[in-house]
Amino acid sequence: MMAKSSITDVKRLAGPEKAAIVLLALGEEHTAIWEALDDEEIKEVSQAMAGLGSISASVVEELLVEFVSGMSSTGAIMGSYEQTQRLLSAFMPPEKVDQLMEEIRGPAGRTMWDKLGNVNEAVLANYLKNEYPQTVAVVLSKVKSDHAARVLASLPEDFALECVTRMLRMEPVQREILDKIEQTLRTEFMSNLARTSKRDSHEMMAEIFNNFDRQTEARFIAALEERNREAAERIRALMFVFEDLSKLDPGGVQTLLRATGKEQLALALKGASDKLREMFFSNMSERASKIMREDMESMGPVRLKDVDQAQVAMVQVAKDLAAKGEIMLAGAGAEDELIY
């Protein structure tokens, strides 16, 4: 991802961005100012601060004339998630900081309904399909009509029609019910969505390990276990490997099959467990399944390296589909589904 260019024009800054730059320049010694803001103002300024990037010294000078004499000629400052979190931690309880930072990392938008409008419709539909139709009806009545249409189209048809029926009969929703739905979305959906957007060094390393062939992966994991068993276990838990595709639902399997070449699939399945093989076969037509089995038999012995490459490629296709919200993946060793 390309770095943001430095902010050089004060006129292009909104009020919350100007406030964020002033507070960044004041730093951790002057956090008492934050205490004068209400929760919504803190959230708005924090959102702006976390997305600032680099601010040129000239902009800082214009906004903080009385303080600029103490700054160097290269007195640029940097707004980032880490800096924002550090400043907030100086005067807010840790749990409140975590909640606020999770909201900032999640989809943009001032209200919950604004945020939902920026969530991929397939991802939102995957969450809502497990809710009561009446709840879904309320949620869809609160988001923009074009987004609601895309979400409805992504839901199972019978369920979607039930939601439409509820929307047609819906009366004004009591404030306390709306607040409860909003709180549930915040704690169960948005926080999960924000958490999956975080990327720490173990997640990055797990992705690298996913791209090793089997022998190299085993060698590195074994070596790392000797030096740092905790890190090795965490990486192993975060890795998504070929056998984890068994956690896909039938719709996800069929989407993946459509996106995978027949030769690549045949090679990958040569090295798969019987259970995973049967799962793929059961999601094909009887004719396609028979042809695939025959193709695999006619291959004869294949090199382990070729099987590994085919499996890694299929995992990457699955991750790409998950990133687009077209399928749901469950992490290795995870008890709950992760929303990508």
C-alpha atoms as a PDB file:
ATOM      1  CA  MET A   1       0.000   0.000   0.000  1.00  0.00           C
ATOM      2  CA  MET A   2       1.425   3.401  -1.004  1.00  0.00           C
ATOM      3  CA  ALA A   3       2.209   5.886   1.769  1.00  0.00           C
ATOM      4  CA  LYS A   4       0.036   9.008   1.953  1.00  0.00           C
ATOM      5  CA  SER A   5       1.607  12.184   0.629  1.00  0.00           C
ATOM      6  CA  SER A   6       2.419  14.887   3.186  1.00  0.00           C
ATOM      7  CA  ILE A   7      -0.385  17.339   4.075  1.00  0.00           C
ATOM      8  CA  THR A   8       0.742  20.786   2.914  1.00  0.00           C
ATOM      9  CA  ASP A   9      -2.461  22.846   2.542  1.00  0.00           C
ATOM     10  CA  VAL A  10      -4.372  24.001   5.640  1.00  0.00           C
ATOM     11  CA  LYS A  11      -7.402  25.004   3.524  1.00  0.00           C
ATOM     12  CA  ARG A  12      -8.025  21.355   2.604  1.00  0.00           C
ATOM     13  CA  LEU A  13      -8.239  20.252   6.255  1.00  0.00           C
ATOM     14  CA  ALA A  14     -11.587  19.649   7.981  1.00  0.00           C
ATOM     15  CA  GLY A  15     -12.179  20.804  11.569  1.00  0.00           C
ATOM     16  CA  PRO A  16     -11.498  17.390  13.205  1.00  0.00           C
ATOM     17  CA  GLU A  17      -8.227  17.088  11.228  1.00  0.00           C
ATOM     18  CA  LYS A  18      -7.075  20.521  12.433  1.00  0.00           C
ATOM     19  CA  ALA A  19      -7.913  19.580  16.030  1.00  0.00           C
ATOM     20  CA  ALA A  20      -6.065  16.265  15.591  1.00  0.00           C
ATOM     21  CA  ILE A  21      -2.891  18.042  14.356  1.00  0.00           C
ATOM     22  CA  VAL A  22      -2.980  20.488  17.287  1.00  0.00           C
ATOM     23  CA  LEU A  23      -3.359  17.627  19.794  1.00  0.00           C
ATOM     24  CA  LEU A  24      -0.576  15.640  18.114  1.00  0.00           C
ATOM     25  CA  ALA A  25       1.731  18.647  18.298  1.00  0.00           C
ATOM     26  CA  LEU A  26       0.903  19.175  21.980  1.00  0.00           C
ATOM     27  CA  GLY A  27       1.758  15.517  22.630  1.00  0.00           C
ATOM     28  CA  GLU A  28       1.340  13.370  25.717  1.00  0.00           C
ATOM     29  CA  GLU A  29       2.124  16.123  28.237  1.00  0.00           C
ATOM     30  CA  HIS A  30      -1.083  18.027  27.441  1.00  0.00           C
ATOM     31  CA  THR A  31      -3.679  15.257  27.350  1.00  0.00           C
ATOM     32  CA  ALA A  32      -5.868  17.116  29.865  1.00  0.00           C
ATOM     33  CA  ILE A  33      -7.355  18.922  26.850  1.00  0.00           C
ATOM     34  CA  TRP A  34      -8.914  15.616  25.739  1.00  0.00           C
ATOM     35  CA  GLU A  35     -10.895  15.483  28.988  1.00  0.00           C
ATOM     36  CA  ALA A  36     -12.886  18.531  27.856  1.00  0.00           C
ATOM     37  CA  LEU A  37     -14.202  16.602  24.831  1.00  0.00           C
ATOM     38  CA  ASP A  38     -17.248  14.340  24.883  1.00  0.00           C
ATOM     39  CA  ASP A  39     -17.117  10.723  23.633  1.00  0.00           C
ATOM     40  CA  GLU A  40     -18.377  11.566  20.141  1.00  0.00           C
ATOM     41  CA  GLU A  41     -15.804  14.381  19.766  1.00  0.00           C
ATOM     42  CA  ILE A  42     -13.000  12.118  20.988  1.00  0.00           C
ATOM     43  CA  LYS A  43     -14.090   9.464  18.483  1.00  0.00           C
ATOM     44  CA  GLU A  44     -14.237  11.977  15.617  1.00  0.00           C
ATOM     45  CA  VAL A  45     -10.845  13.558  16.393  1.00  0.00           C
ATOM     46  CA  SER A  46      -9.257  10.119  16.940  1.00  0.00           C
ATOM     47  CA  GLN A  47     -10.603   8.898  13.584  1.00  0.00           C
ATOM     48  CA  ALA A  48      -9.075  11.951  11.901  1.00  0.00           C
ATOM     49  CA  MET A  49      -5.771  11.596  13.783  1.00  0.00           C
ATOM     50  CA  ALA A  50      -5.317   7.933  12.911  1.00  0.00           C
ATOM     51  CA  GLY A  51      -5.623   8.679   9.199  1.00  0.00           C
ATOM     52  CA  LEU A  52      -3.491  11.837   8.981  1.00  0.00           C
ATOM     53  CA  GLY A  53      -0.159  10.403   7.923  1.00  0.00           C
ATOM     54  CA  SER A  54       2.567  13.010   7.505  1.00  0.00           C
ATOM     55  CA  ILE A  55       1.839  16.707   8.147  1.00  0.00           C
ATOM     56  CA  SER A  56       4.332  19.267   6.813  1.00  0.00           C
ATOM     57  CA  ALA A  57       6.016  21.721   9.178  1.00  0.00           C
ATOM     58  CA  SER A  58       4.359  24.689   7.389  1.00  0.00           C
ATOM     59  CA  VAL A  59       0.897  23.355   8.232  1.00  0.00           C
ATOM     60  CA  VAL A  60       1.897  22.795  11.851  1.00  0.00           C
ATOM     61  CA  GLU A  61       3.217  26.398  11.944  1.00  0.00           C
ATOM     62  CA  GLU A  62      -0.041  27.836  10.645  1.00  0.00           C
ATOM     63  CA  LEU A  63      -2.116  25.879  13.154  1.00  0.00           C
ATOM     64  CA  LEU A  64       0.227  26.331  16.124  1.00  0.00           C
ATOM     65  CA  VAL A  65       1.877  29.724  15.685  1.00  0.00           C
ATOM     66  CA  GLU A  66       2.398  30.240  19.427  1.00  0.00           C
ATOM     67  CA  PHE A  67       4.231  26.898  19.766  1.00  0.00           C
ATOM     68  CA  VAL A  68       6.182  26.834  16.497  1.00  0.00           C
ATOM     69  CA  SER A  69       9.200  28.771  17.828  1.00  0.00           C
ATOM     70  CA  GLY A  70      10.154  25.697  19.840  1.00  0.00           C
ATOM     71  CA  MET A  71      10.087  23.440  16.786  1.00  0.00           C
ATOM     72  CA  SER A  72      12.926  22.721  14.360  1.00  0.00           C
ATOM     73  CA  SER A  73      12.723  23.735  10.709  1.00  0.00           C
ATOM     74  CA  THR A  74      11.856  20.142   9.887  1.00  0.00           C
ATOM     75  CA  GLY A  75       9.230  19.932  12.600  1.00  0.00           C
ATOM     76  CA  ALA A  76       6.917  17.586  10.742  1.00  0.00           C
ATOM     77  CA  ILE A  77       4.815  15.245  12.867  1.00  0.00           C
ATOM     78  CA  MET A  78       3.262  11.882  12.087  1.00  0.00           C
ATOM     79  CA  GLY A  79      -0.268  10.756  12.869  1.00  0.00           C
ATOM     80  CA  SER A  80      -0.685   6.985  13.073  1.00  0.00           C
ATOM     81  CA  TYR A  81      -2.720   4.311  14.861  1.00  0.00           C
ATOM     82  CA  GLU A  82       0.162   3.710  17.259  1.00  0.00           C
ATOM     83  CA  GLN A  83       0.632   7.399  18.134  1.00  0.00           C
ATOM     84  CA  THR A  84      -3.123   7.883  18.551  1.00  0.00           C
ATOM     85  CA  GLN A  85      -3.358   4.840  20.823  1.00  0.00           C
ATOM     86  CA  ARG A  86      -0.404   6.031  22.921  1.00  0.00           C
ATOM     87  CA  LEU A  87      -1.939   9.489  23.421  1.00  0.00           C
ATOM     88  CA  LEU A  88      -5.371   8.097  24.319  1.00  0.00           C
ATOM     89  CA  SER A  89      -3.805   5.635  26.782  1.00  0.00           C
ATOM     90  CA  ALA A  90      -2.428   8.528  28.813  1.00  0.00           C
ATOM     91  CA  PHE A  91      -5.892   9.499  30.086  1.00  0.00           C
ATOM     92  CA  MET A  92      -8.394   6.762  29.133  1.00  0.00           C
ATOM     93  CA  PRO A  93      -8.884   3.257  30.638  1.00  0.00           C
ATOM     94  CA  PRO A  94      -7.224   0.530  28.499  1.00  0.00           C
ATOM     95  CA  GLU A  95     -10.538  -1.201  27.668  1.00  0.00           C
ATOM     96  CA  LYS A  96     -12.028   2.073  26.396  1.00  0.00           C
ATOM     97  CA  VAL A  97      -8.918   2.769  24.293  1.00  0.00           C
ATOM     98  CA  ASP A  98      -9.111  -0.734  22.771  1.00  0.00           C
ATOM     99  CA  GLN A  99     -12.805  -0.288  21.942  1.00  0.00           C
ATOM    100  CA  LEU A 100     -12.170   3.109  20.347  1.00  0.00           C
ATOM    101  CA  MET A 101      -9.185   1.916  18.317  1.00  0.00           C
ATOM    102  CA  GLU A 102     -11.180  -1.099  17.089  1.00  0.00           C
ATOM    103  CA  GLU A 103     -13.876   1.276  15.861  1.00  0.00           C
ATOM    104  CA  ILE A 104     -11.270   3.428  14.102  1.00  0.00           C
ATOM    105  CA  ARG A 105      -9.724   0.398  12.393  1.00  0.00           C
ATOM    106  CA  GLY A 106     -13.158  -0.759  11.253  1.00  0.00           C
ATOM    107  CA  PRO A 107     -15.146   0.711   8.343  1.00  0.00           C
ATOM    108  CA  ALA A 108     -15.312   4.510   8.129  1.00  0.00           C
ATOM    109  CA  GLY A 109     -18.471   6.363   9.144  1.00  0.00           C
ATOM    110  CA  ARG A 110     -19.679   8.524  11.995  1.00  0.00           C
ATOM    111  CA  THR A 111     -22.658   6.377  13.003  1.00  0.00           C
ATOM    112  CA  MET A 112     -23.036   2.597  13.102  1.00  0.00           C
ATOM    113  CA  TRP A 113     -25.301   2.741  10.051  1.00  0.00           C
ATOM    114  CA  ASP A 114     -22.736   4.822   8.109  1.00  0.00           C
ATOM    115  CA  LYS A 115     -20.109   2.202   8.961  1.00  0.00           C
ATOM    116  CA  LEU A 116     -22.354  -0.656   7.794  1.00  0.00           C
ATOM    117  CA  GLY A 117     -22.772   1.145   4.481  1.00  0.00           C
ATOM    118  CA  ASN A 118     -19.019   0.737   3.919  1.00  0.00           C
ATOM    119  CA  VAL A 119     -18.942  -3.015   4.622  1.00  0.00           C
ATOM    120  CA  ASN A 120     -18.812  -5.324   1.606  1.00  0.00           C
ATOM    121  CA  GLU A 121     -22.357  -6.622   1.007  1.00  0.00           C
ATOM    122  CA  ALA A 122     -21.260 -10.288   0.883  1.00  0.00           C
ATOM    123  CA  VAL A 123     -19.460  -9.967   4.228  1.00  0.00           C
ATOM    124  CA  LEU A 124     -22.468  -8.237   5.800  1.00  0.00           C
ATOM    125  CA  ALA A 125     -24.846 -10.839   4.324  1.00  0.00           C
ATOM    126  CA  ASN A 126     -22.725 -13.676   5.743  1.00  0.00           C
ATOM    127  CA  TYR A 127     -23.187 -12.183   9.201  1.00  0.00           C
ATOM    128  CA  LEU A 128     -26.863 -11.273   8.868  1.00  0.00           C
ATOM    129  CA  LYS A 129     -27.960 -14.672   7.508  1.00  0.00           C
ATOM    130  CA  ASN A 130     -27.549 -16.058  11.057  1.00  0.00           C
ATOM    131  CA  GLU A 131     -29.725 -13.343  12.632  1.00  0.00           C
ATOM    132  CA  TYR A 132     -33.512 -13.209  13.064  1.00  0.00           C
ATOM    133  CA  PRO A 133     -35.320 -11.933   9.926  1.00  0.00           C
ATOM    134  CA  GLN A 134     -36.862  -9.122  12.011  1.00  0.00           C
ATOM    135  CA  THR A 135     -33.376  -7.956  13.086  1.00  0.00           C
ATOM    136  CA  VAL A 136     -32.172  -8.052   9.478  1.00  0.00           C
ATOM    137  CA  ALA A 137     -35.253  -6.067   8.429  1.00  0.00           C
ATOM    138  CA  VAL A 138     -34.398  -3.335  10.951  1.00  0.00           C
ATOM    139  CA  VAL A 139     -30.748  -3.219   9.865  1.00  0.00           C
ATOM    140  CA  LEU A 140     -31.612  -3.011   6.151  1.00  0.00           C
ATOM    141  CA  SER A 141     -34.164  -0.271   6.804  1.00  0.00           C
ATOM    142  CA  LYS A 142     -31.384   1.828   8.343  1.00  0.00           C
ATOM    143  CA  VAL A 143     -28.792   1.577   5.545  1.00  0.00           C
ATOM    144  CA  LYS A 144     -28.981   3.174   2.096  1.00  0.00           C
ATOM    145  CA  SER A 145     -31.356   1.486  -0.330  1.00  0.00           C
ATOM    146  CA  ASP A 146     -28.685   0.578  -2.911  1.00  0.00           C
ATOM    147  CA  HIS A 147     -26.592  -1.168  -0.245  1.00  0.00           C
ATOM    148  CA  ALA A 148     -29.662  -2.898   1.216  1.00  0.00           C
ATOM    149  CA  ALA A 149     -30.459  -4.202  -2.287  1.00  0.00           C
ATOM    150  CA  ARG A 150     -26.979  -5.694  -2.689  1.00  0.00           C
ATOM    151  CA  VAL A 151     -27.156  -7.324   0.759  1.00  0.00           C
ATOM    152  CA  LEU A 152     -30.599  -8.836   0.029  1.00  0.00           C
ATOM    153  CA  ALA A 153     -29.297 -10.228  -3.266  1.00  0.00           C
ATOM    154  CA  SER A 154     -26.416 -11.883  -1.360  1.00  0.00           C
ATOM    155  CA  LEU A 155     -28.691 -13.577   1.217  1.00  0.00           C
ATOM    156  CA  PRO A 156     -30.292 -17.024   0.673  1.00  0.00           C
ATOM    157  CA  GLU A 157     -33.450 -16.368  -1.359  1.00  0.00           C
ATOM    158  CA  ASP A 158     -36.060 -17.738   1.098  1.00  0.00           C
ATOM    159  CA  PHE A 159     -34.434 -15.869   3.992  1.00  0.00           C
ATOM    160  CA  ALA A 160     -34.216 -12.664   1.928  1.00  0.00           C
ATOM    161  CA  LEU A 161     -37.928 -12.874   1.036  1.00  0.00           C
ATOM    162  CA  GLU A 162     -38.809 -13.343   4.701  1.00  0.00           C
ATOM    163  CA  CYS A 163     -36.790 -10.191   5.506  1.00  0.00           C
ATOM    164  CA  VAL A 164     -38.587  -8.276   2.713  1.00  0.00           C
ATOM    165  CA  THR A 165     -41.968  -9.364   4.149  1.00  0.00           C
ATOM    166  CA  ARG A 166     -40.940  -8.112   7.600  1.00  0.00           C
ATOM    167  CA  MET A 167     -39.751  -4.790   6.118  1.00  0.00           C
ATOM    168  CA  LEU A 168     -43.112  -4.304   4.372  1.00  0.00           C
ATOM    169  CA  ARG A 169     -45.003  -4.857   7.649  1.00  0.00           C
ATOM    170  CA  MET A 170     -42.535  -2.984   9.849  1.00  0.00           C
ATOM    171  CA  GLU A 171     -43.782  -0.295  12.220  1.00  0.00           C
ATOM    172  CA  PRO A 172     -41.564   2.400  13.834  1.00  0.00           C
ATOM    173  CA  VAL A 173     -38.872   0.649  15.913  1.00  0.00           C
ATOM    174  CA  GLN A 174     -38.632   1.492  19.610  1.00  0.00           C
ATOM    175  CA  ARG A 175     -35.484   3.380  20.560  1.00  0.00           C
ATOM    176  CA  GLU A 176     -34.345   0.763  23.099  1.00  0.00           C
ATOM    177  CA  ILE A 177     -34.629  -2.052  20.490  1.00  0.00           C
ATOM    178  CA  LEU A 178     -32.644   0.004  17.979  1.00  0.00           C
ATOM    179  CA  ASP A 179     -29.991   0.723  20.632  1.00  0.00           C
ATOM    180  CA  LYS A 180     -29.758  -2.990  21.460  1.00  0.00           C
ATOM    181  CA  ILE A 181     -29.312  -3.969  17.785  1.00  0.00           C
ATOM    182  CA  GLU A 182     -26.705  -1.218  17.359  1.00  0.00           C
ATOM    183  CA  GLN A 183     -24.782  -2.413  20.429  1.00  0.00           C
ATOM    184  CA  THR A 184     -24.874  -6.037  19.201  1.00  0.00           C
ATOM    185  CA  LEU A 185     -23.531  -4.976  15.797  1.00  0.00           C
ATOM    186  CA  ARG A 186     -20.783  -2.978  17.498  1.00  0.00           C
ATOM    187  CA  THR A 187     -19.632  -5.742  19.846  1.00  0.00           C
ATOM    188  CA  GLU A 188     -20.174  -8.839  17.699  1.00  0.00           C
ATOM    189  CA  PHE A 189     -19.673  -7.674  14.125  1.00  0.00           C
ATOM    190  CA  MET A 190     -17.675  -4.444  13.957  1.00  0.00           C
ATOM    191  CA  SER A 191     -15.136  -5.411  16.612  1.00  0.00           C
ATOM    192  CA  ASN A 192     -14.532  -8.748  14.848  1.00  0.00           C
ATOM    193  CA  LEU A 193     -14.206  -6.968  11.506  1.00  0.00           C
ATOM    194  CA  ALA A 194     -11.724  -4.485  13.011  1.00  0.00           C
ATOM    195  CA  ARG A 195      -9.691  -7.229  14.689  1.00  0.00           C
ATOM    196  CA  THR A 196      -9.230  -9.097  11.433  1.00  0.00           C
ATOM    197  CA  SER A 197      -7.861  -5.932   9.826  1.00  0.00           C
ATOM    198  CA  LYS A 198      -5.001  -5.765  12.335  1.00  0.00           C
ATOM    199  CA  ARG A 199      -1.752  -7.220  11.133  1.00  0.00           C
ATOM    200  CA  ASP A 200       0.962  -8.063  13.611  1.00  0.00           C
ATOM    201  CA  SER A 201       4.330  -9.648  12.936  1.00  0.00           C
ATOM    202  CA  HIS A 202       3.057 -13.172  13.710  1.00  0.00           C
ATOM    203  CA  GLU A 203       0.265 -12.839  11.127  1.00  0.00           C
ATOM    204  CA  MET A 204       2.770 -11.625   8.546  1.00  0.00           C
ATOM    205  CA  MET A 205       5.104 -14.528   9.335  1.00  0.00           C
ATOM    206  CA  ALA A 206       2.228 -17.050   9.182  1.00  0.00           C
ATOM    207  CA  GLU A 207       1.475 -15.817   5.660  1.00  0.00           C
ATOM    208  CA  ILE A 208       5.143 -16.279   4.688  1.00  0.00           C
ATOM    209  CA  PHE A 209       5.145 -19.799   6.190  1.00  0.00           C
ATOM    210  CA  ASN A 210       1.968 -20.580   4.200  1.00  0.00           C
ATOM    211  CA  ASN A 211       3.992 -20.050   1.036  1.00  0.00           C
ATOM    212  CA  PHE A 212       6.798 -22.436   1.999  1.00  0.00           C
ATOM    213  CA  ASP A 213       6.785 -25.937   0.571  1.00  0.00           C
ATOM    214  CA  ARG A 214       6.009 -28.612   3.151  1.00  0.00           C
ATOM    215  CA  GLN A 215       9.618 -29.553   3.929  1.00  0.00           C
ATOM    216  CA  THR A 216      10.831 -25.952   4.320  1.00  0.00           C
ATOM    217  CA  GLU A 217       7.851 -25.108   6.516  1.00  0.00           C
ATOM    218  CA  ALA A 218       8.522 -28.108   8.786  1.00  0.00           C
ATOM    219  CA  ARG A 219      12.233 -27.184   9.010  1.00  0.00           C
ATOM    220  CA  PHE A 220      11.568 -23.565   9.999  1.00  0.00           C
ATOM    221  CA  ILE A 221       8.799 -24.432  12.485  1.00  0.00           C
ATOM    222  CA  ALA A 222      11.049 -27.040  14.146  1.00  0.00           C
ATOM    223  CA  ALA A 223      13.974 -24.585  14.359  1.00  0.00           C
ATOM    224  CA  LEU A 224      11.733 -21.813  15.720  1.00  0.00           C
ATOM    225  CA  GLU A 225      10.248 -24.139  18.344  1.00  0.00           C
ATOM    226  CA  GLU A 226      13.745 -24.651  19.779  1.00  0.00           C
ATOM    227  CA  ARG A 227      14.313 -20.895  20.098  1.00  0.00           C
ATOM    228  CA  ASN A 228      10.807 -19.605  20.880  1.00  0.00           C
ATOM    229  CA  ARG A 229       8.096 -22.236  21.376  1.00  0.00           C
ATOM    230  CA  GLU A 230       5.375 -19.633  22.069  1.00  0.00           C
ATOM    231  CA  ALA A 231       6.051 -17.800  18.772  1.00  0.00           C
ATOM    232  CA  ALA A 232       6.096 -21.090  16.833  1.00  0.00           C
ATOM    233  CA  GLU A 233       2.740 -22.150  18.315  1.00  0.00           C
ATOM    234  CA  ARG A 234       1.182 -18.757  17.569  1.00  0.00           C
ATOM    235  CA  ILE A 235       2.373 -18.842  13.954  1.00  0.00           C
ATOM    236  CA  ARG A 236       1.088 -22.404  13.522  1.00  0.00           C
ATOM    237  CA  ALA A 237      -2.328 -21.351  14.902  1.00  0.00           C
ATOM    238  CA  LEU A 238      -2.492 -18.404  12.481  1.00  0.00           C
ATOM    239  CA  MET A 239      -1.453 -20.366   9.413  1.00  0.00           C
ATOM    240  CA  PHE A 240      -4.155 -21.296   6.947  1.00  0.00           C
ATOM    241  CA  VAL A 241      -3.196 -24.499   5.189  1.00  0.00           C
ATOM    242  CA  PHE A 242      -4.781 -26.606   2.450  1.00  0.00           C
ATOM    243  CA  GLU A 243      -6.548 -28.994   4.854  1.00  0.00           C
ATOM    244  CA  ASP A 244      -8.272 -25.984   6.470  1.00  0.00           C
ATOM    245  CA  LEU A 245     -10.360 -25.733   3.283  1.00  0.00           C
ATOM    246  CA  SER A 246     -12.456 -28.518   4.864  1.00  0.00           C
ATOM    247  CA  LYS A 247     -14.033 -25.748   7.006  1.00  0.00           C
ATOM    248  CA  LEU A 248     -15.629 -24.098   3.956  1.00  0.00           C
ATOM    249  CA  ASP A 249     -19.405 -24.293   3.621  1.00  0.00           C
ATOM    250  CA  PRO A 250     -20.832 -25.887   0.419  1.00  0.00           C
ATOM    251  CA  GLY A 251     -21.315 -22.487  -1.235  1.00  0.00           C
ATOM    252  CA  GLY A 252     -17.701 -21.590  -0.505  1.00  0.00           C
ATOM    253  CA  VAL A 253     -16.439 -24.907  -1.926  1.00  0.00           C
ATOM    254  CA  GLN A 254     -18.383 -24.368  -5.162  1.00  0.00           C
ATOM    255  CA  THR A 255     -17.098 -20.788  -5.487  1.00  0.00           C
ATOM    256  CA  LEU A 256     -13.533 -22.053  -5.012  1.00  0.00           C
ATOM    257  CA  LEU A 257     -14.055 -24.864  -7.557  1.00  0.00           C
ATOM    258  CA  ARG A 258     -15.205 -22.337 -10.169  1.00  0.00           C
ATOM    259  CA  ALA A 259     -12.066 -20.263  -9.567  1.00  0.00           C
ATOM    260  CA  THR A 260      -9.603 -23.205  -9.752  1.00  0.00           C
ATOM    261  CA  GLY A 261      -8.189 -24.807 -12.884  1.00  0.00           C
ATOM    262  CA  LYS A 262      -8.952 -28.530 -13.346  1.00  0.00           C
ATOM    263  CA  GLU A 263      -5.284 -29.557 -13.602  1.00  0.00           C
ATOM    264  CA  GLN A 264      -4.370 -27.562 -10.502  1.00  0.00           C
ATOM    265  CA  LEU A 265      -7.275 -29.093  -8.567  1.00  0.00           C
ATOM    266  CA  ALA A 266      -6.353 -32.639  -9.622  1.00  0.00           C
ATOM    267  CA  LEU A 267      -2.738 -32.117  -8.484  1.00  0.00           C
ATOM    268  CA  ALA A 268      -3.778 -30.546  -5.162  1.00  0.00           C
ATOM    269  CA  LEU A 269      -6.252 -33.356  -4.394  1.00  0.00           C
ATOM    270  CA  LYS A 270      -3.586 -36.018  -5.070  1.00  0.00           C
ATOM    271  CA  GLY A 271      -1.988 -34.963  -1.774  1.00  0.00           C
ATOM    272  CA  ALA A 272      -5.202 -34.302   0.158  1.00  0.00           C
ATOM    273  CA  SER A 273      -6.746 -36.397   2.920  1.00  0.00           C
ATOM    274  CA  ASP A 274      -9.608 -38.728   1.968  1.00  0.00           C
ATOM    275  CA  LYS A 275     -12.027 -36.516   3.921  1.00  0.00           C
ATOM    276  CA  LEU A 276     -11.053 -33.346   2.047  1.00  0.00           C
ATOM    277  CA  ARG A 277     -11.090 -35.146  -1.316  1.00  0.00           C
ATOM    278  CA  GLU A 278     -14.615 -36.410  -0.712  1.00  0.00           C
ATOM    279  CA  MET A 279     -15.765 -32.952   0.349  1.00  0.00           C
ATOM    280  CA  PHE A 280     -14.666 -31.527  -3.018  1.00  0.00           C
ATOM    281  CA  PHE A 281     -16.099 -34.472  -4.979  1.00  0.00           C
ATOM    282  CA  SER A 282     -19.466 -34.173  -3.182  1.00  0.00           C
ATOM    283  CA  ASN A 283     -19.736 -30.560  -4.346  1.00  0.00           C
ATOM    284  CA  MET A 284     -19.251 -31.492  -8.022  1.00  0.00           C
ATOM    285  CA  SER A 285     -21.765 -32.998 -10.395  1.00  0.00           C
ATOM    286  CA  GLU A 286     -21.566 -36.798 -10.647  1.00  0.00           C
ATOM    287  CA  ARG A 287     -20.068 -36.531 -14.150  1.00  0.00           C
ATOM    288  CA  ALA A 288     -17.464 -33.892 -13.162  1.00  0.00           C
ATOM    289  CA  SER A 289     -16.511 -35.937 -10.087  1.00  0.00           C
ATOM    290  CA  LYS A 290     -16.030 -39.078 -12.199  1.00  0.00           C
ATOM    291  CA  ILE A 291     -13.860 -37.238 -14.758  1.00  0.00           C
ATOM    292  CA  MET A 292     -11.734 -35.705 -11.971  1.00  0.00           C
ATOM    293  CA  ARG A 293     -11.137 -39.113 -10.352  1.00  0.00           C
ATOM    294  CA  GLU A 294     -10.126 -40.550 -13.738  1.00  0.00           C
ATOM    295  CA  ASP A 295      -7.769 -37.614 -14.392  1.00  0.00           C
ATOM    296  CA  MET A 296      -6.103 -38.137 -11.017  1.00  0.00           C
ATOM    297  CA  GLU A 297      -5.646 -41.864 -11.662  1.00  0.00           C
ATOM    298  CA  SER A 298      -4.168 -41.260 -15.110  1.00  0.00           C
ATOM    299  CA  MET A 299      -1.575 -38.895 -13.623  1.00  0.00           C
ATOM    300  CA  GLY A 300       0.195 -41.725 -11.880  1.00  0.00           C
ATOM    301  CA  PRO A 301       2.892 -40.768  -9.325  1.00  0.00           C
ATOM    302  CA  VAL A 302       3.432 -36.999  -9.007  1.00  0.00           C
ATOM    303  CA  ARG A 303       6.211 -34.994  -7.392  1.00  0.00           C
ATOM    304  CA  LEU A 304       5.539 -33.756  -3.828  1.00  0.00           C
ATOM    305  CA  LYS A 305       6.855 -30.334  -4.898  1.00  0.00           C
ATOM    306  CA  ASP A 306       4.183 -30.062  -7.633  1.00  0.00           C
ATOM    307  CA  VAL A 307       1.423 -31.072  -5.194  1.00  0.00           C
ATOM    308  CA  ASP A 308       2.639 -28.487  -2.666  1.00  0.00           C
ATOM    309  CA  GLN A 309       2.658 -25.745  -5.295  1.00  0.00           C
ATOM    310  CA  ALA A 310      -0.882 -26.614  -6.424  1.00  0.00           C
ATOM    311  CA  GLN A 311      -2.152 -26.634  -2.834  1.00  0.00           C
ATOM    312  CA  VAL A 312      -0.463 -23.300  -1.986  1.00  0.00           C
ATOM    313  CA  ALA A 313      -1.975 -21.787  -5.153  1.00  0.00           C
ATOM    314  CA  MET A 314      -5.464 -23.004  -4.160  1.00  0.00           C
ATOM    315  CA  VAL A 315      -5.085 -21.582  -0.651  1.00  0.00           C
ATOM    316  CA  GLN A 316      -4.089 -18.240  -2.190  1.00  0.00           C
ATOM    317  CA  VAL A 317      -7.153 -18.288  -4.460  1.00  0.00           C
ATOM    318  CA  ALA A 318      -9.318 -18.997  -1.381  1.00  0.00           C
ATOM    319  CA  LYS A 319      -7.740 -16.066   0.479  1.00  0.00           C
ATOM    320  CA  ASP A 320      -8.310 -13.752  -2.486  1.00  0.00           C
ATOM    321  CA  LEU A 321     -11.978 -14.807  -2.620  1.00  0.00           C
ATOM    322  CA  ALA A 322     -12.285 -14.260   1.150  1.00  0.00           C
ATOM    323  CA  ALA A 323     -10.737 -10.776   0.858  1.00  0.00           C
ATOM    324  CA  LYS A 324     -13.458  -9.913  -1.691  1.00  0.00           C
ATOM    325  CA  GLY A 325     -16.123 -11.238   0.689  1.00  0.00           C
ATOM    326  CA  GLU A 326     -17.139 -14.022  -1.697  1.00  0.00           C
ATOM    327  CA  ILE A 327     -16.391 -16.873   0.731  1.00  0.00           C
ATOM    328  CA  MET A 328     -15.847 -17.216   4.486  1.00  0.00           C
ATOM    329  CA  LEU A 329     -12.652 -18.723   5.857  1.00  0.00           C
ATOM    330  CA  ALA A 330     -12.081 -20.055   9.369  1.00  0.00           C
ATOM    331  CA  GLY A 331      -8.541 -19.683  10.688  1.00  0.00           C
ATOM    332  CA  ALA A 332      -6.539 -22.748  11.600  1.00  0.00           C
ATOM    333  CA  GLY A 333      -7.154 -23.619  15.221  1.00  0.00           C
ATOM    334  CA  ALA A 334      -9.860 -20.956  15.529  1.00  0.00           C
ATOM    335  CA  GLU A 335     -13.188 -21.675  17.179  1.00  0.00           C
ATOM    336  CA  ASP A 336     -15.054 -18.884  15.427  1.00  0.00           C
ATOM    337  CA  GLU A 337     -15.291 -17.866  11.804  1.00  0.00           C
ATOM    338  CA  LEU A 338     -13.244 -14.856  10.802  1.00  0.00           C
ATOM    339  CA  ILE A 339     -14.837 -12.206   8.593  1.00  0.00           C
ATOM    340  CA  TYR A 340     -12.512 -10.938   5.902  1.00  0.00           C
END
